[in-house]
C-alpha atoms as a PDB file:
ATOM      1  CA  MET A   1      32.452 105.626 -72.860  1.00  0.00           C
ATOM      2  CA  THR A   2      29.751 103.498 -73.509  1.00  0.00           C
ATOM      3  CA  SER A   3      26.754 104.303 -74.956  1.00  0.00           C
ATOM      4  CA  ASP A   4      25.194 104.395 -71.495  1.00  0.00           C
ATOM      5  CA  ASP A   5      27.222 106.975 -70.451  1.00  0.00           C
ATOM      6  CA  THR A   6      26.730 109.275 -73.862  1.00  0.00           C
ATOM      7  CA  THR A   7      22.772 109.317 -72.609  1.00  0.00           C
ATOM      8  CA  ARG A   8      22.976 110.010 -69.606  1.00  0.00           C
ATOM      9  CA  ASN A   9      25.728 112.839 -69.847  1.00  0.00           C
ATOM     10  CA  SER A  10      25.499 114.700 -72.539  1.00  0.00           C
ATOM     11  CA  LYS A  11      28.984 116.778 -71.536  1.00  0.00           C
ATOM     12  CA  LEU A  12      31.750 115.726 -73.920  1.00  0.00           C
ATOM     13  CA  PRO A  13      34.881 114.453 -72.292  1.00  0.00           C
ATOM     14  CA  ALA A  14      37.632 116.733 -71.164  1.00  0.00           C
ATOM     15  CA  HIS A  15      39.452 115.628 -73.805  1.00  0.00           C
ATOM     16  CA  TYR A  16      37.193 116.665 -76.117  1.00  0.00           C
ATOM     17  CA  GLN A  17      36.071 119.901 -75.021  1.00  0.00           C
ATOM     18  CA  PRO A  18      37.281 123.126 -76.925  1.00  0.00           C
ATOM     19  CA  LYS A  19      40.028 124.998 -75.633  1.00  0.00           C
ATOM     20  CA  GLN A  20      40.131 128.563 -75.476  1.00  0.00           C
ATOM     21  CA  PRO A  21      41.368 130.815 -77.637  1.00  0.00           C
ATOM     22  CA  THR A  22      45.092 131.468 -77.486  1.00  0.00           C
ATOM     23  CA  GLN A  23      46.309 134.923 -77.577  1.00  0.00           C
ATOM     24  CA  MET A  24      48.694 135.766 -80.740  1.00  0.00           C
ATOM     25  CA  SER A  25      51.256 138.452 -81.672  1.00  0.00           C
ATOM     26  CA  VAL A  26      51.300 139.567 -84.503  1.00  0.00           C
ATOM     27  CA  LEU A  27      54.350 141.759 -86.481  1.00  0.00           C
ATOM     28  CA  PHE A  28      53.471 143.643 -89.026  1.00  0.00           C
ATOM     29  CA  ILE A  29      56.404 144.820 -91.742  1.00  0.00           C
ATOM     30  CA  ASP A  30      55.034 147.756 -94.191  1.00  0.00           C
ATOM     31  CA  PRO A  31      56.268 151.273 -95.015  1.00  0.00           C
ATOM     32  CA  ASP A  32      52.627 151.862 -95.367  1.00  0.00           C
ATOM     33  CA  HIS A  33      52.145 152.172 -91.423  1.00  0.00           C
ATOM     34  CA  ASN A  34      48.315 153.216 -91.617  1.00  0.00           C
ATOM     35  CA  SER A  35      47.600 149.866 -94.038  1.00  0.00           C
ATOM     36  CA  ALA A  36      49.404 147.735 -91.503  1.00  0.00           C
ATOM     37  CA  GLU A  37      47.617 149.786 -88.709  1.00  0.00           C
ATOM     38  CA  ARG A  38      43.417 149.241 -90.271  1.00  0.00           C
ATOM     39  CA  LEU A  39      44.487 145.159 -90.941  1.00  0.00           C
ATOM     40  CA  SER A  40      45.906 145.045 -87.395  1.00  0.00           C
ATOM     41  CA  ARG A  41      42.318 146.634 -86.053  1.00  0.00           C
ATOM     42  CA  THR A  42      40.320 143.630 -87.156  1.00  0.00           C
ATOM     43  CA  LEU A  43      42.139 140.798 -84.990  1.00  0.00           C
ATOM     44  CA  THR A  44      40.955 139.236 -82.139  1.00  0.00           C
ATOM     45  CA  ASN A  45      42.675 137.318 -79.421  1.00  0.00           C
ATOM     46  CA  ILE A  46      45.741 139.627 -80.250  1.00  0.00           C
ATOM     47  CA  SER A  47      48.128 140.080 -77.038  1.00  0.00           C
ATOM     48  CA  ALA A  48      50.423 142.174 -78.871  1.00  0.00           C
ATOM     49  CA  VAL A  49      50.915 143.998 -82.210  1.00  0.00           C
ATOM     50  CA  ALA A  50      54.140 145.792 -83.584  1.00  0.00           C
ATOM     51  CA  ILE A  51      54.946 147.599 -86.656  1.00  0.00           C
ATOM     52  CA  VAL A  52      57.489 147.989 -88.227  1.00  0.00           C
ATOM     53  CA  PRO A  53      58.763 149.405 -91.785  1.00  0.00           C
ATOM     54  CA  THR A  54      62.157 147.833 -92.939  1.00  0.00           C
ATOM     55  CA  ALA A  55      63.238 144.010 -92.950  1.00  0.00           C
ATOM     56  CA  HIS A  56      65.992 145.289 -90.358  1.00  0.00           C
ATOM     57  CA  ALA A  57      63.407 146.314 -87.714  1.00  0.00           C
ATOM     58  CA  ALA A  58      61.631 143.199 -87.851  1.00  0.00           C
ATOM     59  CA  LEU A  59      64.359 141.508 -87.333  1.00  0.00           C
ATOM     60  CA  ASN A  60      65.409 143.553 -84.864  1.00  0.00           C
ATOM     61  CA  ALA A  61      61.769 142.687 -83.061  1.00  0.00           C
ATOM     62  CA  ILE A  62      61.497 139.301 -83.676  1.00  0.00           C
ATOM     63  CA  SER A  63      65.087 138.928 -81.829  1.00  0.00           C
ATOM     64  CA  LEU A  64      63.136 140.489 -78.799  1.00  0.00           C
ATOM     65  CA  HIS A  65      59.909 138.588 -79.050  1.00  0.00           C
ATOM     66  CA  VAL A  66      59.188 135.714 -81.357  1.00  0.00           C
ATOM     67  CA  PRO A  67      55.502 136.486 -83.026  1.00  0.00           C
ATOM     68  CA  SER A  68      52.485 133.667 -83.543  1.00  0.00           C
ATOM     69  CA  LEU A  69      52.455 135.487 -86.996  1.00  0.00           C
ATOM     70  CA  ILE A  70      54.056 137.378 -89.344  1.00  0.00           C
ATOM     71  CA  VAL A  71      52.490 139.519 -91.887  1.00  0.00           C
ATOM     72  CA  THR A  72      54.860 141.075 -94.210  1.00  0.00           C
ATOM     73  CA  GLU A  73      54.567 143.555 -98.034  1.00  0.00           C
ATOM     74  CA  ILE A  74      57.214 142.176-100.786  1.00  0.00           C
ATOM     75  CA  ASP A  75      58.488 145.457-101.251  1.00  0.00           C
ATOM     76  CA  LEU A  76      60.424 146.901 -98.627  1.00  0.00           C
ATOM     77  CA  PRO A  77      63.058 149.687 -98.528  1.00  0.00           C
ATOM     78  CA  ASP A  78      65.926 147.654 -97.212  1.00  0.00           C
ATOM     79  CA  ALA A  79      65.377 144.343 -98.876  1.00  0.00           C
ATOM     80  CA  ASN A  80      62.525 141.609-100.326  1.00  0.00           C
ATOM     81  CA  GLY A  81      60.151 140.612 -97.902  1.00  0.00           C
ATOM     82  CA  LEU A  82      60.190 137.010 -99.332  1.00  0.00           C
ATOM     83  CA  GLU A  83      63.703 137.344 -98.257  1.00  0.00           C
ATOM     84  CA  LEU A  84      62.683 137.820 -94.749  1.00  0.00           C
ATOM     85  CA  ILE A  85      60.151 134.690 -95.424  1.00  0.00           C
ATOM     86  CA  ALA A  86      62.458 132.504 -96.058  1.00  0.00           C
ATOM     87  CA  LYS A  87      65.401 133.609 -93.612  1.00  0.00           C
ATOM     88  CA  VAL A  88      62.022 132.749 -90.551  1.00  0.00           C
ATOM     89  CA  HIS A  89      60.756 129.712 -92.359  1.00  0.00           C
ATOM     90  CA  ALA A  90      64.186 128.705 -92.085  1.00  0.00           C
ATOM     91  CA  THR A  91      64.371 128.719 -88.865  1.00  0.00           C
ATOM     92  CA  PRO A  92      63.963 126.042 -86.928  1.00  0.00           C
ATOM     93  CA  ALA A  93      63.165 127.679 -83.290  1.00  0.00           C
ATOM     94  CA  MET A  94      60.531 130.156 -85.628  1.00  0.00           C
ATOM     95  CA  ARG A  95      58.828 127.139 -87.135  1.00  0.00           C
ATOM     96  CA  HIS A  96      55.704 127.851 -85.264  1.00  0.00           C
ATOM     97  CA  VAL A  97      55.279 131.202 -86.776  1.00  0.00           C
ATOM     98  CA  LEU A  98      52.400 131.917 -89.139  1.00  0.00           C
ATOM     99  CA  LEU A  99      53.636 133.727 -92.853  1.00  0.00           C
ATOM    100  CA  MET A 100      51.365 135.797 -94.752  1.00  0.00           C
ATOM    101  CA  VAL A 101      51.812 138.055 -97.722  1.00  0.00           C
ATOM    102  CA  VAL A 102      50.034 141.172 -98.137  1.00  0.00           C
ATOM    103  CA  THR A 103      51.169 143.262-100.984  1.00  0.00           C
ATOM    104  CA  GLY A 104      49.827 145.149-103.859  1.00  0.00           C
ATOM    105  CA  ARG A 105      51.981 142.215-105.860  1.00  0.00           C
ATOM    106  CA  SER A 106      49.227 140.321-107.914  1.00  0.00           C
ATOM    107  CA  GLY A 107      50.916 138.303-110.411  1.00  0.00           C
ATOM    108  CA  VAL A 108      51.327 134.699-110.526  1.00  0.00           C
ATOM    109  CA  ARG A 109      54.677 134.532-110.487  1.00  0.00           C
ATOM    110  CA  ASP A 110      54.917 136.854-107.413  1.00  0.00           C
ATOM    111  CA  LYS A 111      52.919 134.207-105.606  1.00  0.00           C
ATOM    112  CA  ILE A 112      54.926 130.897-106.501  1.00  0.00           C
ATOM    113  CA  ASN A 113      57.835 132.570-105.266  1.00  0.00           C
ATOM    114  CA  ALA A 114      56.602 133.544-101.896  1.00  0.00           C
ATOM    115  CA  PHE A 115      54.994 130.280-100.956  1.00  0.00           C
ATOM    116  CA  GLN A 116      58.279 128.158-102.442  1.00  0.00           C
ATOM    117  CA  ALA A 117      59.942 131.170 -99.701  1.00  0.00           C
ATOM    118  CA  GLY A 118      57.484 129.634 -96.832  1.00  0.00           C
ATOM    119  CA  ALA A 119      55.077 131.802 -96.693  1.00  0.00           C
ATOM    120  CA  ASP A 120      51.522 130.576 -95.750  1.00  0.00           C
ATOM    121  CA  ASP A 121      49.220 132.653 -97.074  1.00  0.00           C
ATOM    122  CA  TYR A 122      48.872 135.305-100.018  1.00  0.00           C
ATOM    123  CA  LEU A 123      47.222 138.329-100.246  1.00  0.00           C
ATOM    124  CA  VAL A 124      46.715 141.314-102.775  1.00  0.00           C
ATOM    125  CA  LYS A 125      45.783 144.573-101.219  1.00  0.00           C
ATOM    126  CA  PRO A 126      43.657 146.252-101.507  1.00  0.00           C
ATOM    127  CA  LEU A 127      41.811 144.061 -99.075  1.00  0.00           C
ATOM    128  CA  ASP A 128      38.869 143.906 -97.553  1.00  0.00           C
ATOM    129  CA  PRO A 129      40.324 144.023 -93.301  1.00  0.00           C
ATOM    130  CA  ALA A 130      37.420 141.471 -92.616  1.00  0.00           C
ATOM    131  CA  VAL A 131      38.851 138.766 -94.804  1.00  0.00           C
ATOM    132  CA  PHE A 132      42.053 139.050 -93.671  1.00  0.00           C
ATOM    133  CA  ALA A 133      40.871 138.771 -90.537  1.00  0.00           C
ATOM    134  CA  LEU A 134      39.269 135.399 -91.169  1.00  0.00           C
ATOM    135  CA  ARG A 135      42.290 134.193 -92.970  1.00  0.00           C
ATOM    136  CA  VAL A 136      44.394 134.833 -90.259  1.00  0.00           C
ATOM    137  CA  GLN A 137      42.112 132.636 -88.153  1.00  0.00           C
ATOM    138  CA  LEU A 138      41.821 130.031 -90.894  1.00  0.00           C
ATOM    139  CA  LEU A 139      45.691 129.962 -90.883  1.00  0.00           C
ATOM    140  CA  SER A 140      46.031 129.270 -87.305  1.00  0.00           C
ATOM    141  CA  ARG A 141      43.053 126.664 -87.004  1.00  0.00           C
ATOM    142  CA  PHE A 142      45.003 124.976 -89.598  1.00  0.00           C
ATOM    143  CA  ARG A 143      48.516 125.172 -87.700  1.00  0.00           C
ATOM    144  CA  LYS A 144      47.041 123.817 -84.903  1.00  0.00           C
ATOM    145  CA  VAL A 145      45.086 120.792 -86.921  1.00  0.00           C
ATOM    146  CA  ILE A 146      48.896 119.959 -88.988  1.00  0.00           C
ATOM    147  CA  GLY A 147      50.880 121.419 -86.057  1.00  0.00           C
ATOM    148  CA  ASN A 148      54.264 122.099 -87.005  1.00  0.00           C
ATOM    149  CA  SER A 149      54.960 119.153 -89.629  1.00  0.00           C
ATOM    150  CA  THR A 150      55.282 119.803 -92.935  1.00  0.00           C
ATOM    151  CA  ILE A 151      53.174 117.962 -95.841  1.00  0.00           C
ATOM    152  CA  ALA A 152      54.955 117.530 -99.084  1.00  0.00           C
ATOM    153  CA  PHE A 153      53.386 117.293-102.295  1.00  0.00           C
END
């Protein structure tokens, strides 16, 4: 494109045009159904939301449909949420899945363990639903920028 093209045509080339927002499917894993439901209502561009109370139910749900985003509590009745995150993160077919921890645990060691297990973000309850929605949006943008590659430090 020449400089004359840009002055004559104020529209950007097609490959620079923003794409339509993609639909996301979200799986919440939290024994507190009301908390997960409250957070889910803040999300836009959602094609499907499922809320399950246990890791076992989550694995069943994932076997039927791999979500775009998994939001999990650490303290689940049947397992540690970090074990589930590690399992999802280690599965090549699920590398594209965003993994977020939303928990009442605020310790530094808990956060470090979550990120080491493969979490993409960590939020401490109670949290403002608007902040949650913005963090999901931010994660989604990051994933689009870096794709499925892993950044090593």
